[in-house]
N, C-alpha and C. Protein backbone atom coordinates (compact mmCIF):
# COMPACT_ATOMS: atom_id res chain seq x y z
N UNK A 1 0.85 -1.17 0.00
CA UNK A 1 0.00 0.00 0.00
C UNK A 1 0.90 1.24 0.00
N UNK A 2 0.57 2.15 -0.86
CA UNK A 2 1.39 3.36 -0.93
C UNK A 2 0.96 4.33 0.16
N UNK A 3 1.79 5.30 0.40
CA UNK A 3 1.51 6.29 1.43
C UNK A 3 1.02 7.61 0.84
N UNK A 4 0.50 7.58 -0.39
CA UNK A 4 -0.09 8.80 -0.94
C UNK A 4 -1.41 9.05 -0.21
N UNK A 5 -1.81 10.31 -0.09
CA UNK A 5 -3.07 10.60 0.61
C UNK A 5 -4.23 9.80 0.01
N UNK A 6 -5.09 9.31 0.87
CA UNK A 6 -6.19 8.45 0.44
C UNK A 6 -7.11 9.17 -0.54
N UNK A 7 -7.39 10.46 -0.33
CA UNK A 7 -8.25 11.18 -1.26
C UNK A 7 -7.64 11.19 -2.66
N UNK A 8 -6.35 11.42 -2.76
CA UNK A 8 -5.66 11.39 -4.05
C UNK A 8 -5.75 10.00 -4.66
N UNK A 9 -5.53 8.99 -3.85
CA UNK A 9 -5.60 7.60 -4.33
C UNK A 9 -7.00 7.29 -4.86
N UNK A 10 -8.03 7.70 -4.13
CA UNK A 10 -9.41 7.42 -4.57
C UNK A 10 -9.74 8.14 -5.87
N UNK A 11 -9.25 9.36 -6.04
CA UNK A 11 -9.49 10.09 -7.29
C UNK A 11 -8.83 9.37 -8.46
N UNK A 12 -7.59 8.93 -8.27
CA UNK A 12 -6.88 8.20 -9.33
C UNK A 12 -7.60 6.90 -9.66
N UNK A 13 -8.03 6.18 -8.64
CA UNK A 13 -8.77 4.94 -8.87
C UNK A 13 -10.05 5.22 -9.64
N UNK A 14 -10.75 6.28 -9.27
CA UNK A 14 -12.02 6.61 -9.91
C UNK A 14 -11.83 6.95 -11.39
N UNK A 15 -10.70 7.57 -11.73
CA UNK A 15 -10.43 7.88 -13.14
C UNK A 15 -10.35 6.61 -13.98
N UNK A 16 -9.87 5.54 -13.38
CA UNK A 16 -9.77 4.26 -14.08
C UNK A 16 -11.09 3.50 -14.00
N UNK A 17 -11.67 3.48 -12.82
CA UNK A 17 -12.89 2.69 -12.60
C UNK A 17 -14.08 3.28 -13.36
N UNK A 18 -14.18 4.60 -13.43
CA UNK A 18 -15.33 5.22 -14.10
C UNK A 18 -15.59 4.70 -15.50
N UNK A 19 -14.61 4.72 -16.39
CA UNK A 19 -14.84 4.20 -17.75
C UNK A 19 -15.11 2.70 -17.77
N UNK A 20 -14.47 1.96 -16.88
CA UNK A 20 -14.72 0.51 -16.82
C UNK A 20 -16.16 0.26 -16.38
N UNK A 21 -16.60 1.01 -15.36
CA UNK A 21 -17.97 0.87 -14.88
C UNK A 21 -18.96 1.21 -16.00
N UNK A 22 -18.71 2.29 -16.72
CA UNK A 22 -19.60 2.69 -17.82
C UNK A 22 -19.70 1.58 -18.86
N UNK A 23 -18.60 0.95 -19.17
CA UNK A 23 -18.61 -0.15 -20.14
C UNK A 23 -19.37 -1.36 -19.58
N UNK A 24 -19.19 -1.64 -18.30
CA UNK A 24 -19.93 -2.74 -17.69
C UNK A 24 -21.43 -2.47 -17.73
N UNK A 25 -21.83 -1.23 -17.47
CA UNK A 25 -23.25 -0.87 -17.52
C UNK A 25 -23.78 -1.10 -18.94
N UNK A 26 -23.01 -0.69 -19.92
CA UNK A 26 -23.44 -0.84 -21.31
C UNK A 26 -23.62 -2.31 -21.69
N UNK A 27 -22.71 -3.14 -21.23
CA UNK A 27 -22.75 -4.55 -21.63
C UNK A 27 -23.60 -5.43 -20.71
N UNK A 28 -23.67 -5.08 -19.41
CA UNK A 28 -24.31 -5.97 -18.44
C UNK A 28 -25.56 -5.37 -17.80
N UNK A 29 -25.71 -4.07 -17.91
CA UNK A 29 -26.80 -3.39 -17.23
C UNK A 29 -26.31 -2.81 -15.91
N UNK A 30 -27.03 -1.79 -15.44
CA UNK A 30 -26.60 -1.07 -14.25
C UNK A 30 -26.59 -1.93 -12.99
N UNK A 31 -27.61 -2.76 -12.82
CA UNK A 31 -27.70 -3.58 -11.61
C UNK A 31 -26.51 -4.53 -11.49
N UNK A 32 -26.20 -5.24 -12.57
CA UNK A 32 -25.09 -6.20 -12.55
C UNK A 32 -23.75 -5.47 -12.42
N UNK A 33 -23.59 -4.36 -13.13
CA UNK A 33 -22.34 -3.60 -13.06
C UNK A 33 -22.11 -3.09 -11.65
N UNK A 34 -23.16 -2.58 -11.01
CA UNK A 34 -23.04 -2.08 -9.63
C UNK A 34 -22.70 -3.21 -8.67
N UNK A 35 -23.30 -4.37 -8.86
CA UNK A 35 -23.02 -5.52 -7.99
C UNK A 35 -21.56 -5.96 -8.12
N UNK A 36 -21.04 -5.96 -9.34
CA UNK A 36 -19.64 -6.34 -9.56
C UNK A 36 -18.71 -5.33 -8.91
N UNK A 37 -18.98 -4.05 -9.13
CA UNK A 37 -18.15 -3.00 -8.54
C UNK A 37 -18.20 -3.07 -7.01
N UNK A 38 -19.39 -3.25 -6.46
CA UNK A 38 -19.56 -3.35 -5.02
C UNK A 38 -18.73 -4.51 -4.46
N UNK A 39 -18.81 -5.68 -5.07
CA UNK A 39 -18.07 -6.85 -4.59
C UNK A 39 -16.56 -6.62 -4.68
N UNK A 40 -16.11 -6.05 -5.78
CA UNK A 40 -14.67 -5.82 -5.96
C UNK A 40 -14.13 -4.82 -4.94
N UNK A 41 -14.84 -3.73 -4.72
CA UNK A 41 -14.38 -2.71 -3.78
C UNK A 41 -14.40 -3.26 -2.36
N UNK A 42 -15.42 -4.03 -2.01
CA UNK A 42 -15.47 -4.63 -0.68
C UNK A 42 -14.29 -5.57 -0.45
N UNK A 43 -13.96 -6.38 -1.45
CA UNK A 43 -12.80 -7.28 -1.32
C UNK A 43 -11.51 -6.47 -1.15
N UNK A 44 -11.39 -5.38 -1.88
CA UNK A 44 -10.21 -4.52 -1.74
C UNK A 44 -10.14 -3.91 -0.35
N UNK A 45 -11.29 -3.53 0.22
CA UNK A 45 -11.33 -2.94 1.56
C UNK A 45 -10.91 -3.95 2.62
N UNK A 46 -11.36 -5.20 2.49
CA UNK A 46 -10.96 -6.24 3.43
C UNK A 46 -9.44 -6.47 3.33
N UNK A 47 -8.93 -6.50 2.11
CA UNK A 47 -7.49 -6.68 1.91
C UNK A 47 -6.71 -5.52 2.53
N UNK A 48 -7.20 -4.31 2.37
CA UNK A 48 -6.54 -3.15 2.96
C UNK A 48 -6.58 -3.24 4.49
N UNK A 49 -7.69 -3.69 5.03
CA UNK A 49 -7.79 -3.89 6.48
C UNK A 49 -6.76 -4.90 6.97
N UNK A 50 -6.61 -5.99 6.24
CA UNK A 50 -5.59 -7.01 6.60
C UNK A 50 -4.19 -6.41 6.55
N UNK A 51 -3.94 -5.59 5.54
CA UNK A 51 -2.64 -4.94 5.42
C UNK A 51 -2.33 -4.10 6.67
N UNK A 52 -3.29 -3.28 7.09
CA UNK A 52 -3.08 -2.44 8.27
C UNK A 52 -3.00 -3.27 9.55
N UNK A 53 -3.74 -4.36 9.63
CA UNK A 53 -3.63 -5.25 10.79
C UNK A 53 -2.24 -5.86 10.83
N UNK A 54 -1.72 -6.21 9.66
CA UNK A 54 -0.35 -6.75 9.58
C UNK A 54 0.68 -5.75 10.03
N UNK A 55 0.49 -4.48 9.65
CA UNK A 55 1.41 -3.43 10.09
C UNK A 55 1.37 -3.27 11.61
N UNK A 56 0.24 -3.61 12.22
CA UNK A 56 0.09 -3.52 13.67
C UNK A 56 0.54 -4.81 14.34
N UNK A 57 1.11 -5.71 13.56
CA UNK A 57 1.56 -6.99 14.11
C UNK A 57 0.40 -7.85 14.58
N UNK A 58 -0.78 -7.61 14.04
CA UNK A 58 -1.95 -8.38 14.43
C UNK A 58 -2.51 -7.97 15.78
N UNK A 59 -1.91 -6.98 16.42
CA UNK A 59 -2.36 -6.49 17.73
C UNK A 59 -3.22 -5.25 17.53
N UNK A 60 -4.40 -5.45 17.02
CA UNK A 60 -5.29 -4.33 16.74
C UNK A 60 -6.10 -3.95 17.98
N UNK A 61 -6.56 -2.73 17.99
CA UNK A 61 -7.40 -2.23 19.08
C UNK A 61 -8.22 -1.07 18.56
N UNK A 62 -9.19 -0.66 19.33
CA UNK A 62 -9.99 0.51 18.93
C UNK A 62 -9.10 1.75 18.91
N UNK A 63 -8.18 1.86 19.87
CA UNK A 63 -7.28 3.02 19.90
C UNK A 63 -6.45 3.10 18.63
N UNK A 64 -5.92 1.98 18.18
CA UNK A 64 -5.13 1.97 16.94
C UNK A 64 -6.01 2.24 15.73
N UNK A 65 -7.23 1.72 15.76
CA UNK A 65 -8.17 1.97 14.67
C UNK A 65 -8.47 3.46 14.55
N UNK A 66 -8.68 4.11 15.68
CA UNK A 66 -8.97 5.55 15.69
C UNK A 66 -7.80 6.31 15.07
N UNK A 67 -6.58 5.91 15.37
CA UNK A 67 -5.40 6.57 14.78
C UNK A 67 -5.37 6.42 13.26
N UNK A 68 -5.88 5.30 12.76
CA UNK A 68 -5.89 5.07 11.31
C UNK A 68 -6.71 6.13 10.57
N UNK A 69 -7.65 6.75 11.25
CA UNK A 69 -8.49 7.74 10.58
C UNK A 69 -7.67 8.91 10.03
N UNK A 70 -6.45 9.08 10.51
CA UNK A 70 -5.57 10.10 9.94
C UNK A 70 -5.36 9.87 8.44
N UNK A 71 -5.37 8.62 8.01
CA UNK A 71 -5.20 8.31 6.59
C UNK A 71 -6.36 8.85 5.76
N UNK A 72 -7.57 8.70 6.26
CA UNK A 72 -8.75 9.07 5.50
C UNK A 72 -9.08 10.55 5.60
N UNK A 73 -8.57 11.21 6.65
CA UNK A 73 -8.85 12.64 6.82
C UNK A 73 -7.71 13.52 6.28
N UNK A 74 -6.61 12.91 5.87
CA UNK A 74 -5.44 13.67 5.39
C UNK A 74 -5.83 14.65 4.30
N UNK A 75 -5.13 15.76 4.26
CA UNK A 75 -5.35 16.82 3.26
C UNK A 75 -6.76 17.40 3.32
N UNK A 76 -7.37 17.37 4.50
CA UNK A 76 -8.70 17.95 4.66
C UNK A 76 -9.79 17.18 3.94
N UNK A 77 -9.55 15.89 3.69
CA UNK A 77 -10.51 15.07 2.95
C UNK A 77 -11.86 14.97 3.65
N UNK A 78 -11.83 14.97 4.97
CA UNK A 78 -13.06 14.88 5.76
C UNK A 78 -13.03 15.92 6.86
N UNK A 79 -14.16 16.55 7.09
CA UNK A 79 -14.32 17.39 8.26
C UNK A 79 -15.23 16.62 9.20
N UNK A 80 -14.73 16.38 10.41
CA UNK A 80 -15.49 15.52 11.31
C UNK A 80 -15.64 16.12 12.69
N UNK A 81 -16.73 15.74 13.32
CA UNK A 81 -16.99 16.14 14.69
C UNK A 81 -17.02 14.85 15.51
N UNK A 82 -15.98 14.67 16.33
CA UNK A 82 -15.90 13.46 17.16
C UNK A 82 -16.84 13.64 18.36
N UNK A 83 -17.69 12.66 18.55
CA UNK A 83 -18.65 12.67 19.64
C UNK A 83 -18.17 11.83 20.82
N UNK A 84 -17.46 10.74 20.51
CA UNK A 84 -16.96 9.83 21.55
C UNK A 84 -15.83 9.00 20.97
N UNK A 85 -14.76 8.86 21.73
CA UNK A 85 -13.64 8.04 21.30
C UNK A 85 -13.02 7.40 22.54
N UNK A 86 -13.23 6.11 22.70
CA UNK A 86 -12.65 5.39 23.84
C UNK A 86 -12.31 3.96 23.40
N UNK A 87 -12.11 3.07 24.35
CA UNK A 87 -11.67 1.71 24.02
C UNK A 87 -12.74 0.86 23.34
N UNK A 88 -13.99 1.26 23.42
CA UNK A 88 -15.07 0.45 22.84
C UNK A 88 -15.93 1.19 21.83
N UNK A 89 -15.76 2.50 21.72
CA UNK A 89 -16.61 3.29 20.83
C UNK A 89 -15.81 4.36 20.10
N UNK A 90 -16.21 4.59 18.87
CA UNK A 90 -15.69 5.71 18.10
C UNK A 90 -16.87 6.26 17.32
N UNK A 91 -17.45 7.33 17.85
CA UNK A 91 -18.64 7.94 17.27
C UNK A 91 -18.27 9.31 16.72
N UNK A 92 -18.65 9.57 15.48
CA UNK A 92 -18.39 10.88 14.90
C UNK A 92 -19.34 11.11 13.75
N UNK A 93 -19.47 12.37 13.40
CA UNK A 93 -20.24 12.78 12.23
C UNK A 93 -19.28 13.45 11.25
N UNK A 94 -19.45 13.15 9.99
CA UNK A 94 -18.70 13.82 8.93
C UNK A 94 -19.59 14.96 8.44
N UNK A 95 -19.07 16.17 8.52
CA UNK A 95 -19.85 17.33 8.11
C UNK A 95 -19.47 17.84 6.71
N UNK A 96 -18.31 17.42 6.23
CA UNK A 96 -17.90 17.70 4.85
C UNK A 96 -17.09 16.52 4.35
N UNK A 97 -17.43 16.06 3.16
CA UNK A 97 -16.75 14.91 2.56
C UNK A 97 -16.23 15.31 1.19
N UNK A 98 -14.92 15.48 1.12
CA UNK A 98 -14.33 15.84 -0.17
C UNK A 98 -14.29 14.65 -1.12
N UNK A 99 -14.44 13.42 -0.60
CA UNK A 99 -14.57 12.26 -1.48
C UNK A 99 -15.86 12.42 -2.31
N UNK A 100 -16.97 12.72 -1.63
CA UNK A 100 -18.25 12.91 -2.32
C UNK A 100 -18.14 14.05 -3.32
N UNK A 101 -17.49 15.13 -2.92
CA UNK A 101 -17.33 16.27 -3.81
C UNK A 101 -16.53 15.89 -5.05
N UNK A 102 -15.46 15.14 -4.86
CA UNK A 102 -14.60 14.74 -5.98
C UNK A 102 -15.36 13.84 -6.95
N UNK A 103 -16.08 12.86 -6.43
CA UNK A 103 -16.81 11.95 -7.31
C UNK A 103 -17.89 12.70 -8.09
N UNK A 104 -18.54 13.64 -7.43
CA UNK A 104 -19.58 14.43 -8.11
C UNK A 104 -18.95 15.25 -9.25
N UNK A 105 -17.79 15.89 -8.95
CA UNK A 105 -17.09 16.68 -9.98
C UNK A 105 -16.66 15.82 -11.16
N UNK A 106 -16.36 14.54 -10.89
CA UNK A 106 -15.91 13.62 -11.93
C UNK A 106 -17.08 12.98 -12.68
N UNK A 107 -18.31 13.32 -12.28
CA UNK A 107 -19.48 12.71 -12.89
C UNK A 107 -19.76 11.31 -12.38
N UNK A 108 -19.18 10.97 -11.24
CA UNK A 108 -19.34 9.63 -10.68
C UNK A 108 -20.09 9.62 -9.36
N UNK A 109 -20.81 10.70 -9.09
CA UNK A 109 -21.54 10.80 -7.83
C UNK A 109 -22.51 9.65 -7.60
N UNK A 110 -23.05 9.11 -8.67
CA UNK A 110 -24.03 8.03 -8.56
C UNK A 110 -23.41 6.74 -8.00
N UNK A 111 -22.11 6.57 -8.18
CA UNK A 111 -21.45 5.35 -7.68
C UNK A 111 -20.45 5.65 -6.57
N UNK A 112 -20.44 6.89 -6.09
CA UNK A 112 -19.50 7.26 -5.02
C UNK A 112 -19.62 6.38 -3.79
N UNK A 113 -20.86 6.01 -3.44
CA UNK A 113 -21.04 5.15 -2.27
C UNK A 113 -20.37 3.79 -2.48
N UNK A 114 -20.34 3.32 -3.73
CA UNK A 114 -19.66 2.05 -4.02
C UNK A 114 -18.15 2.21 -3.97
N UNK A 115 -17.66 3.36 -4.42
CA UNK A 115 -16.22 3.59 -4.47
C UNK A 115 -15.61 3.86 -3.10
N UNK A 116 -16.37 4.46 -2.19
CA UNK A 116 -15.80 4.83 -0.90
C UNK A 116 -16.62 4.36 0.31
N UNK A 117 -17.87 4.73 0.37
CA UNK A 117 -18.65 4.49 1.59
C UNK A 117 -18.71 3.03 1.99
N UNK A 118 -18.84 2.14 1.03
CA UNK A 118 -18.97 0.74 1.42
C UNK A 118 -17.66 0.14 1.93
N UNK A 119 -16.58 0.89 1.84
CA UNK A 119 -15.30 0.45 2.39
C UNK A 119 -15.26 0.56 3.92
N UNK A 120 -16.00 1.52 4.45
CA UNK A 120 -15.85 1.92 5.85
C UNK A 120 -16.06 0.77 6.84
N UNK A 121 -17.16 0.08 6.75
CA UNK A 121 -17.40 -1.04 7.65
C UNK A 121 -16.69 -2.29 7.20
N UNK A 122 -16.59 -2.48 5.89
CA UNK A 122 -15.96 -3.67 5.34
C UNK A 122 -14.48 -3.73 5.67
N UNK A 123 -13.82 -2.59 5.74
CA UNK A 123 -12.41 -2.52 6.13
C UNK A 123 -12.18 -3.27 7.45
N UNK A 124 -13.13 -3.13 8.38
CA UNK A 124 -13.01 -3.75 9.70
C UNK A 124 -12.95 -5.27 9.62
N UNK A 125 -13.61 -5.85 8.63
CA UNK A 125 -13.58 -7.31 8.48
C UNK A 125 -12.15 -7.82 8.33
N UNK A 126 -11.32 -7.05 7.65
CA UNK A 126 -9.93 -7.44 7.47
C UNK A 126 -9.04 -6.95 8.60
N UNK A 127 -9.35 -5.78 9.13
CA UNK A 127 -8.52 -5.18 10.18
C UNK A 127 -8.75 -5.85 11.53
N UNK A 128 -9.99 -5.86 11.98
CA UNK A 128 -10.35 -6.49 13.25
C UNK A 128 -11.86 -6.71 13.23
N UNK A 129 -12.29 -7.96 13.02
CA UNK A 129 -13.73 -8.22 12.91
C UNK A 129 -14.51 -7.95 14.19
N UNK A 130 -13.83 -7.62 15.28
CA UNK A 130 -14.52 -7.23 16.52
C UNK A 130 -15.00 -5.79 16.46
N UNK A 131 -14.58 -5.05 15.43
CA UNK A 131 -15.02 -3.67 15.24
C UNK A 131 -16.12 -3.68 14.19
N UNK A 132 -17.25 -3.09 14.54
CA UNK A 132 -18.37 -3.01 13.60
C UNK A 132 -18.79 -1.55 13.44
N UNK A 133 -19.46 -1.28 12.34
CA UNK A 133 -19.93 0.07 12.04
C UNK A 133 -21.43 0.07 11.87
N UNK A 134 -22.06 1.05 12.51
CA UNK A 134 -23.46 1.36 12.23
C UNK A 134 -23.48 2.78 11.69
N UNK A 135 -24.07 2.94 10.52
CA UNK A 135 -24.17 4.26 9.92
C UNK A 135 -25.56 4.37 9.30
N UNK A 136 -26.27 5.40 9.68
CA UNK A 136 -27.65 5.56 9.21
C UNK A 136 -27.76 6.45 7.98
N UNK A 137 -26.74 7.30 7.73
CA UNK A 137 -26.85 8.21 6.59
C UNK A 137 -25.46 8.64 6.13
N UNK A 138 -25.40 9.06 4.86
CA UNK A 138 -24.14 9.57 4.30
C UNK A 138 -24.40 10.81 3.45
N UNK A 139 -23.40 11.65 3.40
CA UNK A 139 -23.42 12.81 2.51
C UNK A 139 -23.48 12.33 1.06
N UNK A 140 -22.77 11.25 0.78
CA UNK A 140 -22.69 10.71 -0.58
C UNK A 140 -24.09 10.41 -1.13
N UNK A 141 -25.00 10.03 -0.24
CA UNK A 141 -26.34 9.70 -0.68
C UNK A 141 -27.35 10.80 -0.35
N UNK A 142 -26.84 12.04 -0.12
CA UNK A 142 -27.70 13.20 -0.01
C UNK A 142 -28.02 13.71 1.39
N UNK A 143 -27.53 13.05 2.42
CA UNK A 143 -27.78 13.50 3.80
C UNK A 143 -26.88 14.69 4.13
N UNK A 144 -27.25 15.48 5.14
CA UNK A 144 -26.42 16.64 5.51
C UNK A 144 -25.11 16.24 6.20
N UNK A 145 -25.05 15.03 6.75
CA UNK A 145 -23.82 14.54 7.37
C UNK A 145 -23.81 13.02 7.33
N UNK A 146 -22.64 12.46 7.56
CA UNK A 146 -22.50 11.00 7.69
C UNK A 146 -22.42 10.68 9.18
N UNK A 147 -23.12 9.65 9.59
CA UNK A 147 -23.11 9.25 11.01
C UNK A 147 -22.34 7.95 11.15
N UNK A 148 -21.18 8.03 11.76
CA UNK A 148 -20.34 6.86 11.99
C UNK A 148 -20.43 6.47 13.46
N UNK A 149 -20.75 5.20 13.71
CA UNK A 149 -20.81 4.68 15.08
C UNK A 149 -20.11 3.33 15.08
N UNK A 150 -18.82 3.37 15.39
CA UNK A 150 -18.03 2.13 15.46
C UNK A 150 -18.10 1.58 16.88
N UNK A 151 -18.14 0.26 16.97
CA UNK A 151 -18.14 -0.43 18.27
C UNK A 151 -17.10 -1.52 18.25
N UNK A 152 -16.42 -1.66 19.39
CA UNK A 152 -15.47 -2.76 19.58
C UNK A 152 -16.06 -3.71 20.61
N UNK A 153 -16.20 -4.95 20.19
CA UNK A 153 -16.72 -5.98 21.09
C UNK A 153 -15.60 -6.99 21.28
N UNK A 154 -15.06 -7.04 22.50
CA UNK A 154 -13.96 -7.95 22.80
C UNK A 154 -14.37 -9.39 22.57
N UNK A 155 -13.47 -10.21 22.04
CA UNK A 155 -13.79 -11.63 21.82
C UNK A 155 -14.29 -12.27 23.12
N UNK A 156 -15.35 -13.05 22.99
CA UNK A 156 -15.87 -13.76 24.14
C UNK A 156 -16.91 -13.00 24.96
N UNK A 157 -17.16 -11.71 24.62
CA UNK A 157 -18.19 -10.97 25.33
C UNK A 157 -19.52 -11.14 24.61
N UNK A 158 -20.62 -11.19 25.36
CA UNK A 158 -21.93 -11.39 24.72
C UNK A 158 -22.39 -10.19 23.93
């Protein structure tokens, strides 16, 4: 994984994915093309989560996960209001998402949630499956803010 800012990386990926997605829609239809893109991006997010877990020596925690958010917020990519951050919870709202803005500018706003938003919870599957995400709304899909509510459930707890 390179250390270029994530927003820059997502824009570069979108420049390649956009035309491929358009061709898939033309040949397979929008529903099938979206399903393929969704599956591929989710697999990439799990792999990225595993990569970061490996960098942590497999000793992941909510505290380390919270530090990882520096990657996604770099270069002002996200403006966030942290509501709670401790050993079991990381709650915040995103009030500005430059990922959504970039995809919209590129004409890819319709698939922005597939390119970025669906990575957020899926990343945890590879990083630490004890961390889960509940999110009720996103800017990408027209809401005024994104609601992130991560929870860490220690292995063996009910």
